[in-house]
Protein backbone atom coordinates (compact mmCIF):
# COMPACT_ATOMS: atom_id res chain seq x y z
CA MET A 1 93.35 112.81 106.41
CA LYS A 2 97.04 112.15 106.50
CA LYS A 3 98.40 110.68 103.53
CA CYS A 4 100.53 107.58 104.15
CA LYS A 5 103.39 106.63 101.92
CA TYR A 6 104.67 103.13 100.95
CA ILE A 7 107.78 101.97 99.01
CA VAL A 8 107.86 99.98 95.66
CA GLU A 9 111.28 98.49 94.86
CA HIS A 10 111.77 98.15 91.02
CA ASN A 11 114.86 97.47 89.30
CA ASN A 12 116.71 98.33 92.61
CA GLU A 13 115.30 101.76 92.72
CA LEU A 14 112.96 102.92 95.53
CA ASN A 15 109.83 104.74 94.45
CA TYR A 16 107.56 106.57 97.10
CA THR A 17 103.98 106.85 96.17
CA LYS A 18 101.06 108.22 98.21
CA VAL A 19 98.18 105.99 99.33
CA ARG A 20 95.59 106.60 96.72
CA THR A 21 92.69 105.00 94.96
CA PHE A 22 93.76 101.70 93.13
CA GLY A 23 92.10 99.56 90.44
CA LYS A 24 91.89 96.14 92.16
CA SER A 25 93.93 94.56 89.41
CA GLU A 26 96.47 97.31 89.80
CA LEU A 27 96.94 96.73 93.55
CA ALA A 28 96.55 93.10 93.27
CA LEU A 29 99.45 93.09 90.56
CA LEU A 30 101.67 94.83 93.04
CA TYR A 31 101.40 91.99 95.48
CA SER A 32 101.43 89.20 92.81
CA PRO A 33 103.43 90.73 89.79
CA ASP A 34 103.81 87.34 88.13
CA SER A 35 100.33 86.46 88.13
CA GLN A 36 97.67 87.21 85.59
CA PRO A 37 95.18 89.94 86.72
CA LYS A 38 92.31 87.80 87.57
CA VAL A 39 94.58 85.57 89.68
CA ALA A 40 96.12 88.28 91.38
CA VAL A 41 92.71 89.79 92.36
CA ALA A 42 91.57 86.37 93.52
CA THR A 43 94.70 86.11 95.69
CA LEU A 44 94.17 89.40 97.34
CA ASN A 45 90.45 88.81 97.95
CA ARG A 46 91.47 85.57 99.68
CA TRP A 47 94.16 87.25 101.84
CA ILE A 48 91.57 89.79 102.69
CA ARG A 49 89.00 87.10 103.61
CA ARG A 50 91.52 85.25 105.69
CA ASN A 51 92.57 88.09 107.57
CA LYS A 52 89.40 88.51 109.88
CA GLU A 53 90.70 91.77 111.43
CA LEU A 54 91.26 93.41 108.08
CA ALA A 55 87.98 92.22 106.65
CA LYS A 56 86.11 93.64 109.76
CA ALA A 57 87.95 96.96 109.52
CA LEU A 58 87.06 97.26 105.84
CA ALA A 59 83.52 96.37 106.45
CA ALA A 60 83.34 99.05 109.02
CA ILE A 61 84.22 101.65 106.49
CA GLY A 62 81.76 100.36 103.84
CA TYR A 63 83.96 98.22 101.63
CA ASN A 64 82.11 96.63 98.68
CA ASN A 65 83.83 93.58 97.17
CA ASN A 66 81.82 94.14 93.88
CA ARG A 67 83.47 97.59 93.26
CA HIS A 68 86.49 97.55 90.84
CA THR A 69 88.51 99.99 92.93
CA PHE A 70 89.90 100.11 96.48
CA PHE A 71 89.58 103.75 97.87
CA SER A 72 92.47 105.25 99.50
CA ARG A 73 91.20 104.46 103.16
CA GLU A 74 90.67 100.80 102.00
CA VAL A 75 94.35 100.80 100.54
CA ALA A 76 95.72 102.36 103.85
CA LEU A 77 94.00 99.43 105.74
CA ILE A 78 95.35 96.80 103.37
CA PHE A 79 98.86 97.98 103.85
CA LYS A 80 98.37 97.99 107.59
CA TYR A 81 97.07 94.69 108.06
CA ILE A 82 98.90 92.73 105.04
CA GLY A 83 101.82 94.97 104.54
CA GLU A 84 102.99 97.08 101.75
CA PRO A 85 103.55 95.35 98.28
């Protein structure tokens, strides 16, 4: 499987990181850095539910909402449908 890359800007520096397994809080906080971890996860889950195409694509690869991690395949889909953090 080809590894995708995304860019995170922090203090005007660009960091390249490969798509990988993320803890839900870890990924959610990239999208909502000023939120508490629980709030950030709830926000990301809401975005996933509201994006029907993303929810369908995640379901097709076996996404389990009760798991505490996003596997790299799931992260790649989130980046594709929601955009990179």
